[in-house]
Amino acid sequence: MADNCNVYIAGLPRRATEDLIRKEFSRFGTIQHVNLVRDQETNLSKCFAYIMFASGQAANEAIKCMHKKPVFNSWEITVEHAKRRMLPDDPRIQKSIQARIALLKKRQYS
């Protein structure tokens, strides 16, 4: 996953902002985007975020240096590669669905 530029951060304090996250992580490389996930009704932070770095090397360095480290006044955060979200139209999902349907049909007629 060396080319994965997307980083997931969990365990953030509610007071964390996009600017604070950018300031803390920009030392590892150019940040293209910060997405602090918020509750749609209250607009309060859900205490996790995603960062898109310009390079996989910057993402790897951020993970190496920041995972399980106390930041934001002693908050220990989780920092790891963001997992790729598979959408229903993703060919891998379609293949999996087709395999399950075939298995169910086979069991039904056995």
C-alpha atoms as a PDB file:
ATOM      1  CA  MET A   1       0.000   0.000   0.000  1.00  0.00           C
ATOM      2  CA  ALA A   2       2.950   2.319  -0.408  1.00  0.00           C
ATOM      3  CA  ASP A   3       1.063   4.374  -2.992  1.00  0.00           C
ATOM      4  CA  ASN A   4      -1.936   4.955  -0.711  1.00  0.00           C
ATOM      5  CA  CYS A   5      -2.101   8.686  -0.007  1.00  0.00           C
ATOM      6  CA  ASN A   6      -5.209   8.557   2.185  1.00  0.00           C
ATOM      7  CA  VAL A   7      -4.888   8.424   5.971  1.00  0.00           C
ATOM      8  CA  TYR A   8      -7.571   7.700   8.580  1.00  0.00           C
ATOM      9  CA  ILE A   9      -7.271   9.358  12.000  1.00  0.00           C
ATOM     10  CA  ALA A  10      -9.405   8.328  14.985  1.00  0.00           C
ATOM     11  CA  GLY A  11      -9.540   9.410  18.608  1.00  0.00           C
ATOM     12  CA  LEU A  12      -9.500  13.123  17.901  1.00  0.00           C
ATOM     13  CA  PRO A  13     -10.835  15.477  20.566  1.00  0.00           C
ATOM     14  CA  ARG A  14     -14.128  17.180  19.708  1.00  0.00           C
ATOM     15  CA  ARG A  15     -12.363  20.548  19.638  1.00  0.00           C
ATOM     16  CA  ALA A  16     -10.106  19.448  16.757  1.00  0.00           C
ATOM     17  CA  THR A  17     -10.635  21.416  13.548  1.00  0.00           C
ATOM     18  CA  GLU A  18      -9.532  20.937   9.962  1.00  0.00           C
ATOM     19  CA  ASP A  19      -6.968  23.711  10.437  1.00  0.00           C
ATOM     20  CA  LEU A  20      -5.564  22.126  13.610  1.00  0.00           C
ATOM     21  CA  ILE A  21      -5.275  18.740  11.880  1.00  0.00           C
ATOM     22  CA  ARG A  22      -3.620  20.324   8.844  1.00  0.00           C
ATOM     23  CA  LYS A  23      -1.158  22.174  11.082  1.00  0.00           C
ATOM     24  CA  GLU A  24      -0.254  18.998  13.001  1.00  0.00           C
ATOM     25  CA  PHE A  25       0.201  16.780   9.919  1.00  0.00           C
ATOM     26  CA  SER A  26       1.608  19.168   7.292  1.00  0.00           C
ATOM     27  CA  ARG A  27       5.166  18.516   8.504  1.00  0.00           C
ATOM     28  CA  PHE A  28       5.013  15.123   6.770  1.00  0.00           C
ATOM     29  CA  GLY A  29       4.244  16.517   3.328  1.00  0.00           C
ATOM     30  CA  THR A  30       1.775  18.402   1.217  1.00  0.00           C
ATOM     31  CA  ILE A  31      -1.830  17.883   2.263  1.00  0.00           C
ATOM     32  CA  GLN A  32      -4.369  18.014  -0.525  1.00  0.00           C
ATOM     33  CA  HIS A  33      -7.496  17.647   1.593  1.00  0.00           C
ATOM     34  CA  VAL A  34      -8.642  17.251   5.206  1.00  0.00           C
ATOM     35  CA  ASN A  35     -12.102  15.844   5.912  1.00  0.00           C
ATOM     36  CA  LEU A  36     -13.132  16.099   9.566  1.00  0.00           C
ATOM     37  CA  VAL A  37     -16.280  13.990   9.800  1.00  0.00           C
ATOM     38  CA  ARG A  38     -19.144  15.797  11.532  1.00  0.00           C
ATOM     39  CA  ASP A  39     -22.629  14.909  12.721  1.00  0.00           C
ATOM     40  CA  GLN A  40     -25.121  16.186  10.156  1.00  0.00           C
ATOM     41  CA  GLU A  41     -27.606  17.438  12.744  1.00  0.00           C
ATOM     42  CA  THR A  42     -25.328  19.019  15.358  1.00  0.00           C
ATOM     43  CA  ASN A  43     -22.253  19.749  13.196  1.00  0.00           C
ATOM     44  CA  LEU A  44     -20.108  18.424  16.065  1.00  0.00           C
ATOM     45  CA  SER A  45     -17.013  16.397  15.249  1.00  0.00           C
ATOM     46  CA  LYS A  46     -17.422  12.627  15.271  1.00  0.00           C
ATOM     47  CA  CYS A  47     -13.771  12.522  16.434  1.00  0.00           C
ATOM     48  CA  PHE A  48     -12.304  11.054  13.253  1.00  0.00           C
ATOM     49  CA  ALA A  49     -10.959  12.464  10.019  1.00  0.00           C
ATOM     50  CA  TYR A  50      -9.365  11.613   6.701  1.00  0.00           C
ATOM     51  CA  ILE A  51      -6.308  13.294   5.212  1.00  0.00           C
ATOM     52  CA  MET A  52      -5.277  13.038   1.573  1.00  0.00           C
ATOM     53  CA  PHE A  53      -1.560  13.598   1.166  1.00  0.00           C
ATOM     54  CA  ALA A  54       0.053  14.458  -2.168  1.00  0.00           C
ATOM     55  CA  SER A  55       2.271  11.361  -1.898  1.00  0.00           C
ATOM     56  CA  GLY A  56       2.185   7.901  -0.417  1.00  0.00           C
ATOM     57  CA  GLN A  57       5.555   8.580   1.180  1.00  0.00           C
ATOM     58  CA  ALA A  58       4.100  11.479   3.187  1.00  0.00           C
ATOM     59  CA  ALA A  59       1.152   9.320   4.267  1.00  0.00           C
ATOM     60  CA  ASN A  60       3.468   6.506   5.364  1.00  0.00           C
ATOM     61  CA  GLU A  61       5.640   8.911   7.340  1.00  0.00           C
ATOM     62  CA  ALA A  62       2.597  10.402   9.091  1.00  0.00           C
ATOM     63  CA  ILE A  63       1.383   6.931  10.053  1.00  0.00           C
ATOM     64  CA  LYS A  64       4.824   5.884  11.276  1.00  0.00           C
ATOM     65  CA  CYS A  65       5.315   9.000  13.387  1.00  0.00           C
ATOM     66  CA  MET A  66       1.796   9.695  14.665  1.00  0.00           C
ATOM     67  CA  HIS A  67       0.082   6.326  15.272  1.00  0.00           C
ATOM     68  CA  LYS A  68      -0.628   5.850  18.981  1.00  0.00           C
ATOM     69  CA  LYS A  69       1.175   9.086  19.823  1.00  0.00           C
ATOM     70  CA  PRO A  70      -0.231  11.679  22.193  1.00  0.00           C
ATOM     71  CA  VAL A  71      -1.138  14.853  20.326  1.00  0.00           C
ATOM     72  CA  PHE A  72      -3.652  17.646  20.844  1.00  0.00           C
ATOM     73  CA  ASN A  73      -2.704  17.943  24.543  1.00  0.00           C
ATOM     74  CA  SER A  74      -2.104  14.259  25.302  1.00  0.00           C
ATOM     75  CA  TRP A  75      -4.828  12.644  23.198  1.00  0.00           C
ATOM     76  CA  GLU A  76      -3.524   9.330  21.825  1.00  0.00           C
ATOM     77  CA  ILE A  77      -4.748   8.965  18.261  1.00  0.00           C
ATOM     78  CA  THR A  78      -5.003   6.119  15.792  1.00  0.00           C
ATOM     79  CA  VAL A  79      -3.404   6.868  12.423  1.00  0.00           C
ATOM     80  CA  GLU A  80      -3.529   4.303   9.618  1.00  0.00           C
ATOM     81  CA  HIS A  81      -4.099   3.946   5.904  1.00  0.00           C
ATOM     82  CA  ALA A  82      -7.703   4.618   5.013  1.00  0.00           C
ATOM     83  CA  LYS A  83      -9.409   1.520   3.765  1.00  0.00           C
ATOM     84  CA  ARG A  84     -10.868   1.750   0.304  1.00  0.00           C
ATOM     85  CA  ARG A  85     -14.619   1.907   0.483  1.00  0.00           C
ATOM     86  CA  MET A  86     -16.218  -0.459  -1.976  1.00  0.00           C
ATOM     87  CA  LEU A  87     -19.367   0.831  -3.614  1.00  0.00           C
ATOM     88  CA  PRO A  88     -22.148  -1.403  -4.962  1.00  0.00           C
ATOM     89  CA  ASP A  89     -20.992  -0.825  -8.551  1.00  0.00           C
ATOM     90  CA  ASP A  90     -17.409  -1.874  -7.721  1.00  0.00           C
ATOM     91  CA  PRO A  91     -16.580  -4.971  -9.838  1.00  0.00           C
ATOM     92  CA  ARG A  92     -15.269  -6.773  -6.747  1.00  0.00           C
ATOM     93  CA  ILE A  93     -18.618  -6.311  -4.992  1.00  0.00           C
ATOM     94  CA  GLN A  94     -20.495  -7.451  -8.093  1.00  0.00           C
ATOM     95  CA  LYS A  95     -18.343 -10.583  -8.337  1.00  0.00           C
ATOM     96  CA  SER A  96     -18.916 -11.336  -4.657  1.00  0.00           C
ATOM     97  CA  ILE A  97     -22.667 -10.852  -4.993  1.00  0.00           C
ATOM     98  CA  GLN A  98     -22.815 -13.123  -8.050  1.00  0.00           C
ATOM     99  CA  ALA A  99     -20.837 -15.821  -6.221  1.00  0.00           C
ATOM    100  CA  ARG A 100     -23.212 -15.666  -3.244  1.00  0.00           C
ATOM    101  CA  ILE A 101     -26.270 -15.891  -5.494  1.00  0.00           C
ATOM    102  CA  ALA A 102     -24.802 -18.917  -7.280  1.00  0.00           C
ATOM    103  CA  LEU A 103     -24.068 -20.586  -3.935  1.00  0.00           C
ATOM    104  CA  LEU A 104     -27.593 -19.937  -2.667  1.00  0.00           C
ATOM    105  CA  LYS A 105     -29.117 -21.323  -5.866  1.00  0.00           C
ATOM    106  CA  LYS A 106     -26.911 -24.397  -5.629  1.00  0.00           C
ATOM    107  CA  ARG A 107     -28.011 -24.991  -2.000  1.00  0.00           C
ATOM    108  CA  GLN A 108     -31.654 -24.414  -2.884  1.00  0.00           C
ATOM    109  CA  TYR A 109     -31.667 -27.029  -5.658  1.00  0.00           C
ATOM    110  CA  SER A 110     -29.477 -29.605  -3.901  1.00  0.00           C
END
